[in-house]
Amino acid sequence: MLATLPLDRVVLELSEHDQVDDYPALEGTLAPLRRRGMRLAIDDVGAGFSSLRHIVMADPDVIKMDRSIVSGVDSDPMLARLAQSLVEFAPPAPAAVLVGTGTVLAPAPLTA
């Protein structure tokens, strides 16, 4: 089925419910698909199994921050620093860091 899909239009998302026990196996499975253009997203970073380890080991194209991180980011300096750190930690463009509401944060300073 994947052979017929335009993989440059596909984003595979690992959710906060997906525990990864073997990152090398995951990388080996996804590598041919990613070479053909498929992108990998980590959903709800900061919740469940979507940890910094997921980001480091899976090398995603898109990081989606959990709502618990972005709720109050405009008024809580700690959340603003955490969100800014994730934006800066994200893969270089054209990748994006997304928040729970679907708003895209650009790599610019966040102020509380």
C-alpha atoms as a PDB file:
ATOM      1  CA  MET A   1       0.000   0.000   0.000  1.00  0.00           C
ATOM      2  CA  LEU A   2       2.775   2.498   0.895  1.00  0.00           C
ATOM      3  CA  ALA A   3       4.404   1.923  -2.489  1.00  0.00           C
ATOM      4  CA  THR A   4       1.509   3.725  -4.171  1.00  0.00           C
ATOM      5  CA  LEU A   5       1.312   6.705  -1.806  1.00  0.00           C
ATOM      6  CA  PRO A   6       2.994  10.048  -2.489  1.00  0.00           C
ATOM      7  CA  LEU A   7       5.155   9.841   0.641  1.00  0.00           C
ATOM      8  CA  ASP A   8       6.180  13.483   0.387  1.00  0.00           C
ATOM      9  CA  ARG A   9       2.572  14.184   1.435  1.00  0.00           C
ATOM     10  CA  VAL A  10       2.562  11.712   4.371  1.00  0.00           C
ATOM     11  CA  VAL A  11       3.395  12.519   7.999  1.00  0.00           C
ATOM     12  CA  LEU A  12       3.607   9.518  10.312  1.00  0.00           C
ATOM     13  CA  GLU A  13       2.834  10.551  13.856  1.00  0.00           C
ATOM     14  CA  LEU A  14       4.067   8.824  16.997  1.00  0.00           C
ATOM     15  CA  SER A  15       1.584   9.627  19.721  1.00  0.00           C
ATOM     16  CA  GLU A  16       2.051   9.943  23.444  1.00  0.00           C
ATOM     17  CA  HIS A  17       0.585   6.428  23.695  1.00  0.00           C
ATOM     18  CA  ASP A  18       3.295   4.844  21.521  1.00  0.00           C
ATOM     19  CA  GLN A  19       6.144   3.475  23.597  1.00  0.00           C
ATOM     20  CA  VAL A  20       9.255   2.728  21.555  1.00  0.00           C
ATOM     21  CA  ASP A  21      11.321  -0.125  22.937  1.00  0.00           C
ATOM     22  CA  ASP A  22      13.735  -0.415  20.013  1.00  0.00           C
ATOM     23  CA  TYR A  23      14.716   2.881  18.356  1.00  0.00           C
ATOM     24  CA  PRO A  24      17.216   1.275  15.940  1.00  0.00           C
ATOM     25  CA  ALA A  25      14.457  -1.050  14.673  1.00  0.00           C
ATOM     26  CA  LEU A  26      12.100   1.915  14.295  1.00  0.00           C
ATOM     27  CA  GLU A  27      14.762   3.851  12.391  1.00  0.00           C
ATOM     28  CA  GLY A  28      15.488   0.869  10.144  1.00  0.00           C
ATOM     29  CA  THR A  29      11.817   0.428   9.333  1.00  0.00           C
ATOM     30  CA  LEU A  30      11.168   4.105   8.654  1.00  0.00           C
ATOM     31  CA  ALA A  31      14.426   4.971   6.854  1.00  0.00           C
ATOM     32  CA  PRO A  32      13.359   3.820   3.362  1.00  0.00           C
ATOM     33  CA  LEU A  33      10.030   5.635   3.730  1.00  0.00           C
ATOM     34  CA  ARG A  34      11.690   8.819   4.978  1.00  0.00           C
ATOM     35  CA  ARG A  35      14.172   8.720   2.089  1.00  0.00           C
ATOM     36  CA  ARG A  36      11.129   8.759  -0.200  1.00  0.00           C
ATOM     37  CA  GLY A  37       9.807  11.885   1.509  1.00  0.00           C
ATOM     38  CA  MET A  38       7.672  10.695   4.416  1.00  0.00           C
ATOM     39  CA  ARG A  39       8.024  12.898   7.483  1.00  0.00           C
ATOM     40  CA  LEU A  40       7.933  11.820  11.115  1.00  0.00           C
ATOM     41  CA  ALA A  41       6.129  13.770  13.832  1.00  0.00           C
ATOM     42  CA  ILE A  42       6.239  13.318  17.599  1.00  0.00           C
ATOM     43  CA  ASP A  43       2.830  14.174  19.040  1.00  0.00           C
ATOM     44  CA  ASP A  44       2.171  15.734  22.428  1.00  0.00           C
ATOM     45  CA  VAL A  45       5.804  16.178  23.445  1.00  0.00           C
ATOM     46  CA  GLY A  46       5.745  16.465  27.223  1.00  0.00           C
ATOM     47  CA  ALA A  47       2.958  13.925  27.772  1.00  0.00           C
ATOM     48  CA  GLY A  48       3.105  10.161  28.109  1.00  0.00           C
ATOM     49  CA  PHE A  49       5.914   8.494  26.154  1.00  0.00           C
ATOM     50  CA  SER A  50       6.595  11.613  24.050  1.00  0.00           C
ATOM     51  CA  SER A  51       9.749  12.500  25.890  1.00  0.00           C
ATOM     52  CA  LEU A  52      12.956  14.246  24.949  1.00  0.00           C
ATOM     53  CA  ARG A  53      14.326  10.750  24.340  1.00  0.00           C
ATOM     54  CA  HIS A  54      11.747  10.309  21.545  1.00  0.00           C
ATOM     55  CA  ILE A  55      13.005  13.519  19.951  1.00  0.00           C
ATOM     56  CA  VAL A  56      16.678  12.618  20.270  1.00  0.00           C
ATOM     57  CA  MET A  57      16.358   8.988  19.202  1.00  0.00           C
ATOM     58  CA  ALA A  58      13.689   9.272  16.478  1.00  0.00           C
ATOM     59  CA  ASP A  59      14.989  12.503  14.880  1.00  0.00           C
ATOM     60  CA  PRO A  60      11.501  13.752  13.932  1.00  0.00           C
ATOM     61  CA  ASP A  61      10.731  16.329  11.273  1.00  0.00           C
ATOM     62  CA  VAL A  62       7.905  17.813  13.350  1.00  0.00           C
ATOM     63  CA  ILE A  63       7.561  18.279  17.100  1.00  0.00           C
ATOM     64  CA  LYS A  64       4.070  18.854  18.458  1.00  0.00           C
ATOM     65  CA  MET A  65       4.082  20.213  21.996  1.00  0.00           C
ATOM     66  CA  ASP A  66       1.481  19.001  24.455  1.00  0.00           C
ATOM     67  CA  ARG A  67      -1.196  21.488  25.443  1.00  0.00           C
ATOM     68  CA  SER A  68       0.025  21.293  29.055  1.00  0.00           C
ATOM     69  CA  ILE A  69       3.213  23.039  27.919  1.00  0.00           C
ATOM     70  CA  VAL A  70       1.611  25.741  25.800  1.00  0.00           C
ATOM     71  CA  SER A  71      -1.394  26.560  27.987  1.00  0.00           C
ATOM     72  CA  GLY A  72      -0.381  29.726  29.761  1.00  0.00           C
ATOM     73  CA  VAL A  73       2.815  30.205  27.763  1.00  0.00           C
ATOM     74  CA  ASP A  74       1.905  33.875  27.410  1.00  0.00           C
ATOM     75  CA  SER A  75       1.786  34.432  31.165  1.00  0.00           C
ATOM     76  CA  ASP A  76       4.128  31.832  32.705  1.00  0.00           C
ATOM     77  CA  PRO A  77       7.860  32.536  32.234  1.00  0.00           C
ATOM     78  CA  MET A  78       8.823  28.898  32.909  1.00  0.00           C
ATOM     79  CA  LEU A  79       6.436  27.582  30.232  1.00  0.00           C
ATOM     80  CA  ALA A  80       7.653  30.281  27.841  1.00  0.00           C
ATOM     81  CA  ARG A  81      11.279  29.180  28.362  1.00  0.00           C
ATOM     82  CA  LEU A  82      10.363  25.524  27.908  1.00  0.00           C
ATOM     83  CA  ALA A  83       8.414  26.239  24.717  1.00  0.00           C
ATOM     84  CA  GLN A  84      11.249  28.404  23.373  1.00  0.00           C
ATOM     85  CA  SER A  85      13.754  25.651  24.163  1.00  0.00           C
ATOM     86  CA  LEU A  86      11.709  23.109  22.213  1.00  0.00           C
ATOM     87  CA  VAL A  87      11.439  25.513  19.285  1.00  0.00           C
ATOM     88  CA  GLU A  88      15.212  25.957  19.299  1.00  0.00           C
ATOM     89  CA  PHE A  89      15.777  22.209  19.749  1.00  0.00           C
ATOM     90  CA  ALA A  90      13.544  21.370  16.787  1.00  0.00           C
ATOM     91  CA  PRO A  91      15.041  20.193  13.517  1.00  0.00           C
ATOM     92  CA  PRO A  92      16.047  22.989  11.120  1.00  0.00           C
ATOM     93  CA  ALA A  93      13.519  24.351   8.635  1.00  0.00           C
ATOM     94  CA  PRO A  94      11.436  23.246   6.842  1.00  0.00           C
ATOM     95  CA  ALA A  95      10.471  21.304   9.964  1.00  0.00           C
ATOM     96  CA  ALA A  96       8.138  22.930  12.457  1.00  0.00           C
ATOM     97  CA  VAL A  97       7.286  22.857  16.115  1.00  0.00           C
ATOM     98  CA  LEU A  98       3.540  22.706  16.540  1.00  0.00           C
ATOM     99  CA  VAL A  99       1.445  23.296  19.625  1.00  0.00           C
ATOM    100  CA  GLY A 100      -1.709  21.524  20.781  1.00  0.00           C
ATOM    101  CA  THR A 101      -3.980  24.102  19.192  1.00  0.00           C
ATOM    102  CA  GLY A 102      -2.341  23.776  15.789  1.00  0.00           C
ATOM    103  CA  THR A 103      -0.572  27.137  15.965  1.00  0.00           C
ATOM    104  CA  VAL A 104       2.956  27.107  14.570  1.00  0.00           C
ATOM    105  CA  LEU A 105       5.661  28.691  16.699  1.00  0.00           C
ATOM    106  CA  ALA A 106       8.515  30.202  14.732  1.00  0.00           C
ATOM    107  CA  PRO A 107      12.021  30.162  16.194  1.00  0.00           C
ATOM    108  CA  ALA A 108      11.679  33.666  17.641  1.00  0.00           C
ATOM    109  CA  PRO A 109      11.915  34.758  21.261  1.00  0.00           C
ATOM    110  CA  LEU A 110       8.849  34.105  23.367  1.00  0.00           C
ATOM    111  CA  THR A 111       8.033  36.620  26.048  1.00  0.00           C
ATOM    112  CA  ALA A 112       5.863  36.092  29.076  1.00  0.00           C
END
